[in-house]
Amino acid sequence: WLTQIKGIGPKTAAIILLFAFHKPAFPVDTHVHRVSKRLGLIDARTSAEDAHVELEAIIPPDDYYAAHLNIIRHGREICHARRPACERCPLTVYCEYYQSGKRRV
């Protein structure tokens, strides 16, 4: 229902639901989208809008808050868009991006 308000898209609606109303919703921002694709949690062709649905299907609702914050932190501090710090990443054994050899070390 929040997306019916002009200017509120899926990400903003999910943020409001999760952080203000403590309702289960998984916000997908640029960091969450990038990290989720690189880890193989979602397909590389999945849009940010579709990622909401896919990630909500694999992450337990009780973990949305912590998962969202931790994925954002990982994206900001290690899994950068242009120059990911793969050499510092504790998730390389799970990371499809790293395993594919696309990484920049």
PDB file of N, CA and C in Angstrom:
ATOM      1  N   TRP A   1       0.813  -1.208   0.000  1.00  0.00           N
ATOM      2  CA  TRP A   1       0.000   0.000   0.000  1.00  0.00           C
ATOM      3  C   TRP A   1       0.853   1.266   0.000  1.00  0.00           C
ATOM      4  N   LEU A   2       2.032   1.197   0.538  1.00  0.00           N
ATOM      5  CA  LEU A   2       2.897   2.380   0.554  1.00  0.00           C
ATOM      6  C   LEU A   2       3.323   2.800  -0.851  1.00  0.00           C
ATOM      7  N   THR A   3       3.464   1.836  -1.748  1.00  0.00           N
ATOM      8  CA  THR A   3       3.903   2.172  -3.105  1.00  0.00           C
ATOM      9  C   THR A   3       2.831   2.914  -3.895  1.00  0.00           C
ATOM     10  N   GLN A   4       1.640   3.017  -3.338  1.00  0.00           N
ATOM     11  CA  GLN A   4       0.581   3.801  -3.979  1.00  0.00           C
ATOM     12  C   GLN A   4       0.817   5.301  -3.787  1.00  0.00           C
ATOM     13  N   ILE A   5       1.686   5.649  -2.845  1.00  0.00           N
ATOM     14  CA  ILE A   5       2.022   7.049  -2.581  1.00  0.00           C
ATOM     15  C   ILE A   5       3.092   7.484  -3.583  1.00  0.00           C
ATOM     16  N   LYS A   6       2.868   8.607  -4.233  1.00  0.00           N
ATOM     17  CA  LYS A   6       3.803   9.114  -5.231  1.00  0.00           C
ATOM     18  C   LYS A   6       5.194   9.276  -4.616  1.00  0.00           C
ATOM     19  N   GLY A   7       6.186   8.733  -5.298  1.00  0.00           N
ATOM     20  CA  GLY A   7       7.568   8.864  -4.857  1.00  0.00           C
ATOM     21  C   GLY A   7       8.059   7.727  -3.979  1.00  0.00           C
ATOM     22  N   ILE A   8       7.176   6.810  -3.608  1.00  0.00           N
ATOM     23  CA  ILE A   8       7.589   5.681  -2.778  1.00  0.00           C
ATOM     24  C   ILE A   8       7.604   4.420  -3.635  1.00  0.00           C
ATOM     25  N   GLY A   9       8.810   3.888  -3.809  1.00  0.00           N
ATOM     26  CA  GLY A   9       8.981   2.657  -4.567  1.00  0.00           C
ATOM     27  C   GLY A   9       9.169   1.479  -3.632  1.00  0.00           C
ATOM     28  N   PRO A  10       9.491   0.329  -4.186  1.00  0.00           N
ATOM     29  CA  PRO A  10       9.636  -0.877  -3.369  1.00  0.00           C
ATOM     30  C   PRO A  10      10.695  -0.760  -2.273  1.00  0.00           C
ATOM     31  N   LYS A  11      11.839  -0.137  -2.586  1.00  0.00           N
ATOM     32  CA  LYS A  11      12.901  -0.020  -1.581  1.00  0.00           C
ATOM     33  C   LYS A  11      12.453   0.850  -0.417  1.00  0.00           C
ATOM     34  N   THR A  12      11.928   2.016  -0.704  1.00  0.00           N
ATOM     35  CA  THR A  12      11.482   2.929   0.354  1.00  0.00           C
ATOM     36  C   THR A  12      10.360   2.305   1.167  1.00  0.00           C
ATOM     37  N   ALA A  13       9.428   1.646   0.499  1.00  0.00           N
ATOM     38  CA  ALA A  13       8.324   0.989   1.210  1.00  0.00           C
ATOM     39  C   ALA A  13       8.858  -0.079   2.155  1.00  0.00           C
ATOM     40  N   ALA A  14       9.805  -0.877   1.677  1.00  0.00           N
ATOM     41  CA  ALA A  14      10.372  -1.933   2.519  1.00  0.00           C
ATOM     42  C   ALA A  14      11.142  -1.350   3.702  1.00  0.00           C
ATOM     43  N   ILE A  15      11.838  -0.247   3.484  1.00  0.00           N
ATOM     44  CA  ILE A  15      12.569   0.405   4.576  1.00  0.00           C
ATOM     45  C   ILE A  15      11.596   0.909   5.638  1.00  0.00           C
ATOM     46  N   ILE A  16      10.528   1.551   5.206  1.00  0.00           N
ATOM     47  CA  ILE A  16       9.517   2.051   6.152  1.00  0.00           C
ATOM     48  C   ILE A  16       8.899   0.897   6.928  1.00  0.00           C
ATOM     49  N   LEU A  17       8.525  -0.160   6.219  1.00  0.00           N
ATOM     50  CA  LEU A  17       7.903  -1.306   6.890  1.00  0.00           C
ATOM     51  C   LEU A  17       8.849  -1.947   7.899  1.00  0.00           C
ATOM     52  N   LEU A  18      10.099  -2.166   7.504  1.00  0.00           N
ATOM     53  CA  LEU A  18      11.055  -2.845   8.378  1.00  0.00           C
ATOM     54  C   LEU A  18      11.487  -1.988   9.560  1.00  0.00           C
ATOM     55  N   PHE A  19      11.909  -0.759   9.298  1.00  0.00           N
ATOM     56  CA  PHE A  19      12.506   0.063  10.346  1.00  0.00           C
ATOM     57  C   PHE A  19      11.497   0.863  11.166  1.00  0.00           C
ATOM     58  N   ALA A  20      10.424   1.322  10.567  1.00  0.00           N
ATOM     59  CA  ALA A  20       9.453   2.137  11.307  1.00  0.00           C
ATOM     60  C   ALA A  20       8.336   1.302  11.917  1.00  0.00           C
ATOM     61  N   PHE A  21       7.853   0.311  11.152  1.00  0.00           N
ATOM     62  CA  PHE A  21       6.709  -0.468  11.618  1.00  0.00           C
ATOM     63  C   PHE A  21       7.084  -1.860  12.110  1.00  0.00           C
ATOM     64  N   HIS A  22       8.375  -2.211  12.012  1.00  0.00           N
ATOM     65  CA  HIS A  22       8.860  -3.522  12.464  1.00  0.00           C
ATOM     66  C   HIS A  22       8.088  -4.666  11.820  1.00  0.00           C
ATOM     67  N   LYS A  23       7.789  -4.492  10.538  1.00  0.00           N
ATOM     68  CA  LYS A  23       7.088  -5.512   9.754  1.00  0.00           C
ATOM     69  C   LYS A  23       8.104  -6.212   8.854  1.00  0.00           C
ATOM     70  N   PRO A  24       7.897  -7.491   8.580  1.00  0.00           N
ATOM     71  CA  PRO A  24       8.855  -8.204   7.739  1.00  0.00           C
ATOM     72  C   PRO A  24       8.828  -7.733   6.284  1.00  0.00           C
ATOM     73  N   ALA A  25       9.880  -7.072   5.893  1.00  0.00           N
ATOM     74  CA  ALA A  25      10.089  -6.630   4.516  1.00  0.00           C
ATOM     75  C   ALA A  25      11.596  -6.540   4.331  1.00  0.00           C
ATOM     76  N   PHE A  26      12.091  -6.894   3.162  1.00  0.00           N
ATOM     77  CA  PHE A  26      13.532  -6.881   2.939  1.00  0.00           C
ATOM     78  C   PHE A  26      13.892  -5.814   1.911  1.00  0.00           C
ATOM     79  N   PRO A  27      14.431  -4.672   2.370  1.00  0.00           N
ATOM     80  CA  PRO A  27      14.807  -3.595   1.451  1.00  0.00           C
ATOM     81  C   PRO A  27      16.018  -3.991   0.604  1.00  0.00           C
ATOM     82  N   VAL A  28      15.972  -3.636  -0.660  1.00  0.00           N
ATOM     83  CA  VAL A  28      17.094  -3.912  -1.560  1.00  0.00           C
ATOM     84  C   VAL A  28      17.593  -2.590  -2.126  1.00  0.00           C
ATOM     85  N   ASP A  29      18.752  -2.165  -1.631  1.00  0.00           N
ATOM     86  CA  ASP A  29      19.390  -0.971  -2.181  1.00  0.00           C
ATOM     87  C   ASP A  29      20.509  -1.427  -3.111  1.00  0.00           C
ATOM     88  N   THR A  30      21.319  -0.506  -3.570  1.00  0.00           N
ATOM     89  CA  THR A  30      22.377  -0.842  -4.520  1.00  0.00           C
ATOM     90  C   THR A  30      23.389  -1.815  -3.930  1.00  0.00           C
ATOM     91  N   HIS A  31      23.711  -1.666  -2.640  1.00  0.00           N
ATOM     92  CA  HIS A  31      24.678  -2.565  -2.005  1.00  0.00           C
ATOM     93  C   HIS A  31      24.109  -3.972  -1.877  1.00  0.00           C
ATOM     94  N   VAL A  32      22.889  -4.075  -1.392  1.00  0.00           N
ATOM     95  CA  VAL A  32      22.243  -5.378  -1.227  1.00  0.00           C
ATOM     96  C   VAL A  32      22.119  -6.068  -2.585  1.00  0.00           C
ATOM     97  N   HIS A  33      21.732  -5.325  -3.592  1.00  0.00           N
ATOM     98  CA  HIS A  33      21.572  -5.885  -4.933  1.00  0.00           C
ATOM     99  C   HIS A  33      22.903  -6.418  -5.458  1.00  0.00           C
ATOM    100  N   ARG A  34      23.950  -5.614  -5.373  1.00  0.00           N
ATOM    101  CA  ARG A  34      25.276  -5.999  -5.874  1.00  0.00           C
ATOM    102  C   ARG A  34      25.831  -7.206  -5.124  1.00  0.00           C
ATOM    103  N   VAL A  35      25.830  -7.152  -3.799  1.00  0.00           N
ATOM    104  CA  VAL A  35      26.399  -8.236  -2.995  1.00  0.00           C
ATOM    105  C   VAL A  35      25.606  -9.525  -3.194  1.00  0.00           C
ATOM    106  N   SER A  36      24.299  -9.424  -3.247  1.00  0.00           N
ATOM    107  CA  SER A  36      23.460 -10.611  -3.440  1.00  0.00           C
ATOM    108  C   SER A  36      23.733 -11.277  -4.783  1.00  0.00           C
ATOM    109  N   LYS A  37      23.949 -10.471  -5.814  1.00  0.00           N
ATOM    110  CA  LYS A  37      24.278 -11.031  -7.129  1.00  0.00           C
ATOM    111  C   LYS A  37      25.650 -11.683  -7.097  1.00  0.00           C
ATOM    112  N   ARG A  38      26.631 -11.011  -6.518  1.00  0.00           N
ATOM    113  CA  ARG A  38      27.984 -11.560  -6.497  1.00  0.00           C
ATOM    114  C   ARG A  38      28.062 -12.853  -5.697  1.00  0.00           C
ATOM    115  N   LEU A  39      27.316 -12.926  -4.607  1.00  0.00           N
ATOM    116  CA  LEU A  39      27.323 -14.147  -3.791  1.00  0.00           C
ATOM    117  C   LEU A  39      26.497 -15.270  -4.418  1.00  0.00           C
ATOM    118  N   GLY A  40      25.702 -14.926  -5.409  1.00  0.00           N
ATOM    119  CA  GLY A  40      24.866 -15.932  -6.045  1.00  0.00           C
ATOM    120  C   GLY A  40      23.553 -16.172  -5.324  1.00  0.00           C
ATOM    121  N   LEU A  41      23.180 -15.252  -4.438  1.00  0.00           N
ATOM    122  CA  LEU A  41      21.895 -15.371  -3.748  1.00  0.00           C
ATOM    123  C   LEU A  41      20.746 -15.132  -4.717  1.00  0.00           C
ATOM    124  N   ILE A  42      21.002 -14.282  -5.708  1.00  0.00           N
ATOM    125  CA  ILE A  42      20.034 -14.019  -6.776  1.00  0.00           C
ATOM    126  C   ILE A  42      20.782 -14.107  -8.096  1.00  0.00           C
ATOM    127  N   ASP A  43      20.067 -14.321  -9.165  1.00  0.00           N
ATOM    128  CA  ASP A  43      20.663 -14.396 -10.492  1.00  0.00           C
ATOM    129  C   ASP A  43      21.241 -13.036 -10.882  1.00  0.00           C
ATOM    130  N   ALA A  44      22.303 -13.054 -11.644  1.00  0.00           N
ATOM    131  CA  ALA A  44      22.961 -11.814 -12.067  1.00  0.00           C
ATOM    132  C   ALA A  44      22.040 -10.905 -12.868  1.00  0.00           C
ATOM    133  N   ARG A  45      21.011 -11.478 -13.495  1.00  0.00           N
ATOM    134  CA  ARG A  45      20.085 -10.677 -14.309  1.00  0.00           C
ATOM    135  C   ARG A  45      18.876 -10.184 -13.520  1.00  0.00           C
ATOM    136  N   THR A  46      18.790 -10.529 -12.248  1.00  0.00           N
ATOM    137  CA  THR A  46      17.640 -10.134 -11.431  1.00  0.00           C
ATOM    138  C   THR A  46      17.658  -8.634 -11.173  1.00  0.00           C
ATOM    139  N   SER A  47      16.545  -7.983 -11.420  1.00  0.00           N
ATOM    140  CA  SER A  47      16.437  -6.543 -11.159  1.00  0.00           C
ATOM    141  C   SER A  47      16.358  -6.308  -9.654  1.00  0.00           C
ATOM    142  N   ALA A  48      16.638  -5.081  -9.248  1.00  0.00           N
ATOM    143  CA  ALA A  48      16.540  -4.738  -7.828  1.00  0.00           C
ATOM    144  C   ALA A  48      15.114  -4.941  -7.330  1.00  0.00           C
ATOM    145  N   GLU A  49      14.138  -4.613  -8.158  1.00  0.00           N
ATOM    146  CA  GLU A  49      12.739  -4.774  -7.756  1.00  0.00           C
ATOM    147  C   GLU A  49      12.389  -6.246  -7.547  1.00  0.00           C
ATOM    148  N   ASP A  50      12.828  -7.114  -8.451  1.00  0.00           N
ATOM    149  CA  ASP A  50      12.568  -8.549  -8.303  1.00  0.00           C
ATOM    150  C   ASP A  50      13.388  -9.158  -7.171  1.00  0.00           C
ATOM    151  N   ALA A  51      14.527  -8.550  -6.865  1.00  0.00           N
ATOM    152  CA  ALA A  51      15.380  -9.066  -5.791  1.00  0.00           C
ATOM    153  C   ALA A  51      14.667  -9.042  -4.444  1.00  0.00           C
ATOM    154  N   HIS A  52      13.781  -8.070  -4.228  1.00  0.00           N
ATOM    155  CA  HIS A  52      13.009  -8.022  -2.980  1.00  0.00           C
ATOM    156  C   HIS A  52      12.307  -9.356  -2.757  1.00  0.00           C
ATOM    157  N   VAL A  53      11.603  -9.811  -3.768  1.00  0.00           N
ATOM    158  CA  VAL A  53      10.814 -11.042  -3.676  1.00  0.00           C
ATOM    159  C   VAL A  53      11.725 -12.257  -3.509  1.00  0.00           C
ATOM    160  N   GLU A  54      12.788 -12.327  -4.306  1.00  0.00           N
ATOM    161  CA  GLU A  54      13.685 -13.481  -4.253  1.00  0.00           C
ATOM    162  C   GLU A  54      14.408 -13.584  -2.911  1.00  0.00           C
ATOM    163  N   LEU A  55      14.879 -12.454  -2.393  1.00  0.00           N
ATOM    164  CA  LEU A  55      15.595 -12.491  -1.119  1.00  0.00           C
ATOM    165  C   LEU A  55      14.651 -12.781   0.043  1.00  0.00           C
ATOM    166  N   GLU A  56      13.436 -12.262  -0.023  1.00  0.00           N
ATOM    167  CA  GLU A  56      12.456 -12.566   1.021  1.00  0.00           C
ATOM    168  C   GLU A  56      12.122 -14.059   1.042  1.00  0.00           C
ATOM    169  N   ALA A  57      12.269 -14.719  -0.091  1.00  0.00           N
ATOM    170  CA  ALA A  57      11.969 -16.150  -0.170  1.00  0.00           C
ATOM    171  C   ALA A  57      13.066 -17.018   0.445  1.00  0.00           C
ATOM    172  N   ILE A  58      14.303 -16.497   0.509  1.00  0.00           N
ATOM    173  CA  ILE A  58      15.400 -17.327   1.022  1.00  0.00           C
ATOM    174  C   ILE A  58      15.925 -16.894   2.388  1.00  0.00           C
ATOM    175  N   ILE A  59      15.576 -15.695   2.819  1.00  0.00           N
ATOM    176  CA  ILE A  59      16.018 -15.213   4.134  1.00  0.00           C
ATOM    177  C   ILE A  59      14.831 -15.281   5.086  1.00  0.00           C
ATOM    178  N   PRO A  60      15.006 -15.916   6.242  1.00  0.00           N
ATOM    179  CA  PRO A  60      13.899 -15.974   7.202  1.00  0.00           C
ATOM    180  C   PRO A  60      13.504 -14.567   7.661  1.00  0.00           C
ATOM    181  N   PRO A  61      12.206 -14.287   7.769  1.00  0.00           N
ATOM    182  CA  PRO A  61      11.741 -12.949   8.167  1.00  0.00           C
ATOM    183  C   PRO A  61      12.382 -12.424   9.454  1.00  0.00           C
ATOM    184  N   ASP A  62      12.643 -13.286  10.407  1.00  0.00           N
ATOM    185  CA  ASP A  62      13.273 -12.837  11.653  1.00  0.00           C
ATOM    186  C   ASP A  62      14.699 -12.340  11.433  1.00  0.00           C
ATOM    187  N   ASP A  63      15.281 -12.673  10.298  1.00  0.00           N
ATOM    188  CA  ASP A  63      16.654 -12.271   9.994  1.00  0.00           C
ATOM    189  C   ASP A  63      16.747 -11.085   9.034  1.00  0.00           C
ATOM    190  N   TYR A  64      15.621 -10.568   8.558  1.00  0.00           N
ATOM    191  CA  TYR A  64      15.642  -9.472   7.583  1.00  0.00           C
ATOM    192  C   TYR A  64      16.458  -8.280   8.070  1.00  0.00           C
ATOM    193  N   TYR A  65      16.195  -7.840   9.286  1.00  0.00           N
ATOM    194  CA  TYR A  65      16.846  -6.644   9.825  1.00  0.00           C
ATOM    195  C   TYR A  65      18.365  -6.815   9.831  1.00  0.00           C
ATOM    196  N   ALA A  66      18.839  -7.875  10.482  1.00  0.00           N
ATOM    197  CA  ALA A  66      20.282  -8.102  10.592  1.00  0.00           C
ATOM    198  C   ALA A  66      20.907  -8.371   9.226  1.00  0.00           C
ATOM    199  N   ALA A  67      20.240  -9.162   8.404  1.00  0.00           N
ATOM    200  CA  ALA A  67      20.783  -9.474   7.081  1.00  0.00           C
ATOM    201  C   ALA A  67      20.909  -8.208   6.241  1.00  0.00           C
ATOM    202  N   HIS A  68      19.879  -7.386   6.265  1.00  0.00           N
ATOM    203  CA  HIS A  68      19.903  -6.141   5.496  1.00  0.00           C
ATOM    204  C   HIS A  68      21.087  -5.262   5.921  1.00  0.00           C
ATOM    205  N   LEU A  69      21.219  -5.035   7.209  1.00  0.00           N
ATOM    206  CA  LEU A  69      22.295  -4.168   7.697  1.00  0.00           C
ATOM    207  C   LEU A  69      23.675  -4.763   7.426  1.00  0.00           C
ATOM    208  N   ASN A  70      23.826  -6.069   7.600  1.00  0.00           N
ATOM    209  CA  ASN A  70      25.127  -6.702   7.380  1.00  0.00           C
ATOM    210  C   ASN A  70      25.513  -6.739   5.907  1.00  0.00           C
ATOM    211  N   ILE A  71      24.552  -6.963   5.036  1.00  0.00           N
ATOM    212  CA  ILE A  71      24.863  -6.960   3.602  1.00  0.00           C
ATOM    213  C   ILE A  71      25.243  -5.553   3.150  1.00  0.00           C
ATOM    214  N   ILE A  72      24.541  -4.545   3.647  1.00  0.00           N
ATOM    215  CA  ILE A  72      24.898  -3.159   3.306  1.00  0.00           C
ATOM    216  C   ILE A  72      26.311  -2.845   3.793  1.00  0.00           C
ATOM    217  N   ARG A  73      26.606  -3.211   5.022  1.00  0.00           N
ATOM    218  CA  ARG A  73      27.942  -2.942   5.568  1.00  0.00           C
ATOM    219  C   ARG A  73      29.012  -3.638   4.726  1.00  0.00           C
ATOM    220  N   HIS A  74      28.759  -4.884   4.367  1.00  0.00           N
ATOM    221  CA  HIS A  74      29.721  -5.628   3.554  1.00  0.00           C
ATOM    222  C   HIS A  74      29.926  -4.935   2.198  1.00  0.00           C
ATOM    223  N   GLY A  75      28.846  -4.459   1.612  1.00  0.00           N
ATOM    224  CA  GLY A  75      28.935  -3.759   0.334  1.00  0.00           C
ATOM    225  C   GLY A  75      29.686  -2.446   0.424  1.00  0.00           C
ATOM    226  N   ARG A  76      29.526  -1.752   1.516  1.00  0.00           N
ATOM    227  CA  ARG A  76      30.207  -0.461   1.696  1.00  0.00           C
ATOM    228  C   ARG A  76      31.680  -0.623   2.037  1.00  0.00           C
ATOM    229  N   GLU A  77      31.994  -1.636   2.852  1.00  0.00           N
ATOM    230  CA  GLU A  77      33.354  -1.766   3.364  1.00  0.00           C
ATOM    231  C   GLU A  77      34.249  -2.707   2.564  1.00  0.00           C
ATOM    232  N   ILE A  78      33.684  -3.705   1.921  1.00  0.00           N
ATOM    233  CA  ILE A  78      34.508  -4.702   1.238  1.00  0.00           C
ATOM    234  C   ILE A  78      34.096  -4.905  -0.216  1.00  0.00           C
ATOM    235  N   CYS A  79      32.842  -5.180  -0.444  1.00  0.00           N
ATOM    236  CA  CYS A  79      32.373  -5.557  -1.783  1.00  0.00           C
ATOM    237  C   CYS A  79      31.944  -4.316  -2.573  1.00  0.00           C
ATOM    238  N   HIS A  80      32.910  -3.437  -2.816  1.00  0.00           N
ATOM    239  CA  HIS A  80      32.653  -2.186  -3.528  1.00  0.00           C
ATOM    240  C   HIS A  80      32.245  -2.458  -4.972  1.00  0.00           C
ATOM    241  N   ALA A  81      31.544  -1.512  -5.552  1.00  0.00           N
ATOM    242  CA  ALA A  81      31.056  -1.668  -6.921  1.00  0.00           C
ATOM    243  C   ALA A  81      32.197  -1.791  -7.928  1.00  0.00           C
ATOM    244  N   ARG A  82      33.175  -0.915  -7.843  1.00  0.00           N
ATOM    245  CA  ARG A  82      34.219  -0.881  -8.867  1.00  0.00           C
ATOM    246  C   ARG A  82      35.458  -1.675  -8.499  1.00  0.00           C
ATOM    247  N   ARG A  83      35.857  -1.626  -7.260  1.00  0.00           N
ATOM    248  CA  ARG A  83      37.079  -2.319  -6.855  1.00  0.00           C
ATOM    249  C   ARG A  83      36.828  -3.089  -5.566  1.00  0.00           C
ATOM    250  N   PRO A  84      36.164  -4.236  -5.666  1.00  0.00           N
ATOM    251  CA  PRO A  84      35.894  -5.003  -4.452  1.00  0.00           C
ATOM    252  C   PRO A  84      37.202  -5.468  -3.807  1.00  0.00           C
ATOM    253  N   ALA A  85      37.242  -5.404  -2.494  1.00  0.00           N
ATOM    254  CA  ALA A  85      38.433  -5.809  -1.742  1.00  0.00           C
ATOM    255  C   ALA A  85      38.355  -7.308  -1.440  1.00  0.00           C
ATOM    256  N   CYS A  86      38.413  -8.115  -2.489  1.00  0.00           N
ATOM    257  CA  CYS A  86      38.260  -9.565  -2.346  1.00  0.00           C
ATOM    258  C   CYS A  86      39.309 -10.166  -1.410  1.00  0.00           C
ATOM    259  N   GLU A  87      40.487  -9.569  -1.373  1.00  0.00           N
ATOM    260  CA  GLU A  87      41.552 -10.097  -0.516  1.00  0.00           C
ATOM    261  C   GLU A  87      41.208  -9.970   0.969  1.00  0.00           C
ATOM    262  N   ARG A  88      40.277  -9.090   1.316  1.00  0.00           N
ATOM    263  CA  ARG A  88      39.852  -8.910   2.713  1.00  0.00           C
ATOM    264  C   ARG A  88      38.522  -9.597   3.016  1.00  0.00           C
ATOM    265  N   CYS A  89      37.915 -10.200   2.028  1.00  0.00           N
ATOM    266  CA  CYS A  89      36.560 -10.726   2.160  1.00  0.00           C
ATOM    267  C   CYS A  89      36.530 -12.096   2.832  1.00  0.00           C
ATOM    268  N   PRO A  90      35.716 -12.235   3.888  1.00  0.00           N
ATOM    269  CA  PRO A  90      35.591 -13.533   4.554  1.00  0.00           C
ATOM    270  C   PRO A  90      34.615 -14.478   3.839  1.00  0.00           C
ATOM    271  N   LEU A  91      34.012 -14.013   2.752  1.00  0.00           N
ATOM    272  CA  LEU A  91      32.983 -14.806   2.071  1.00  0.00           C
ATOM    273  C   LEU A  91      33.437 -15.378   0.733  1.00  0.00           C
ATOM    274  N   THR A  92      34.726 -15.326   0.435  1.00  0.00           N
ATOM    275  CA  THR A  92      35.185 -15.761  -0.885  1.00  0.00           C
ATOM    276  C   THR A  92      34.850 -17.222  -1.182  1.00  0.00           C
ATOM    277  N   VAL A  93      34.791 -18.069  -0.168  1.00  0.00           N
ATOM    278  CA  VAL A  93      34.469 -19.486  -0.415  1.00  0.00           C
ATOM    279  C   VAL A  93      33.024 -19.661  -0.872  1.00  0.00           C
ATOM    280  N   TYR A  94      32.169 -18.658  -0.617  1.00  0.00           N
ATOM    281  CA  TYR A  94      30.767 -18.709  -1.018  1.00  0.00           C
ATOM    282  C   TYR A  94      30.471 -17.826  -2.231  1.00  0.00           C
ATOM    283  N   CYS A  95      31.427 -17.027  -2.632  1.00  0.00           N
ATOM    284  CA  CYS A  95      31.187 -15.960  -3.607  1.00  0.00           C
ATOM    285  C   CYS A  95      31.373 -16.423  -5.051  1.00  0.00           C
ATOM    286  N   GLU A  96      30.281 -16.406  -5.807  1.00  0.00           N
ATOM    287  CA  GLU A  96      30.348 -16.782  -7.218  1.00  0.00           C
ATOM    288  C   GLU A  96      31.209 -15.803  -8.014  1.00  0.00           C
ATOM    289  N   TYR A  97      31.145 -14.539  -7.663  1.00  0.00           N
ATOM    290  CA  TYR A  97      31.941 -13.514  -8.339  1.00  0.00           C
ATOM    291  C   TYR A  97      33.429 -13.817  -8.161  1.00  0.00           C
ATOM    292  N   TYR A  98      33.843 -14.083  -6.939  1.00  0.00           N
ATOM    293  CA  TYR A  98      35.242 -14.395  -6.646  1.00  0.00           C
ATOM    294  C   TYR A  98      35.659 -15.688  -7.340  1.00  0.00           C
ATOM    295  N   GLN A  99      34.826 -16.703  -7.224  1.00  0.00           N
ATOM    296  CA  GLN A  99      35.145 -18.010  -7.800  1.00  0.00           C
ATOM    297  C   GLN A  99      35.241 -17.959  -9.327  1.00  0.00           C
ATOM    298  N   SER A 100      34.528 -17.031  -9.944  1.00  0.00           N
ATOM    299  CA  SER A 100      34.520 -16.929 -11.410  1.00  0.00           C
ATOM    300  C   SER A 100      35.805 -16.325 -11.968  1.00  0.00           C
ATOM    301  N   GLY A 101      36.601 -15.730 -11.096  1.00  0.00           N
ATOM    302  CA  GLY A 101      37.831 -15.094 -11.551  1.00  0.00           C
ATOM    303  C   GLY A 101      37.643 -13.667 -12.018  1.00  0.00           C
ATOM    304  N   LYS A 102      36.444 -13.126 -11.887  1.00  0.00           N
ATOM    305  CA  LYS A 102      36.176 -11.743 -12.302  1.00  0.00           C
ATOM    306  C   LYS A 102      36.732 -10.732 -11.307  1.00  0.00           C
ATOM    307  N   ARG A 103      37.088 -11.218 -10.150  1.00  0.00           N
ATOM    308  CA  ARG A 103      37.531 -10.332  -9.073  1.00  0.00           C
ATOM    309  C   ARG A 103      38.778  -9.545  -9.477  1.00  0.00           C
ATOM    310  N   ARG A 104      38.947  -8.438  -8.805  1.00  0.00           N
ATOM    311  CA  ARG A 104      40.141  -7.620  -9.004  1.00  0.00           C
ATOM    312  C   ARG A 104      40.885  -7.600  -7.684  1.00  0.00           C
ATOM    313  N   VAL A 105      42.028  -8.238  -7.653  1.00  0.00           N
ATOM    314  CA  VAL A 105      42.806  -8.284  -6.406  1.00  0.00           C
ATOM    315  C   VAL A 105      44.056  -7.474  -6.583  1.00  0.00           C
TER     316      VAL A 105
END
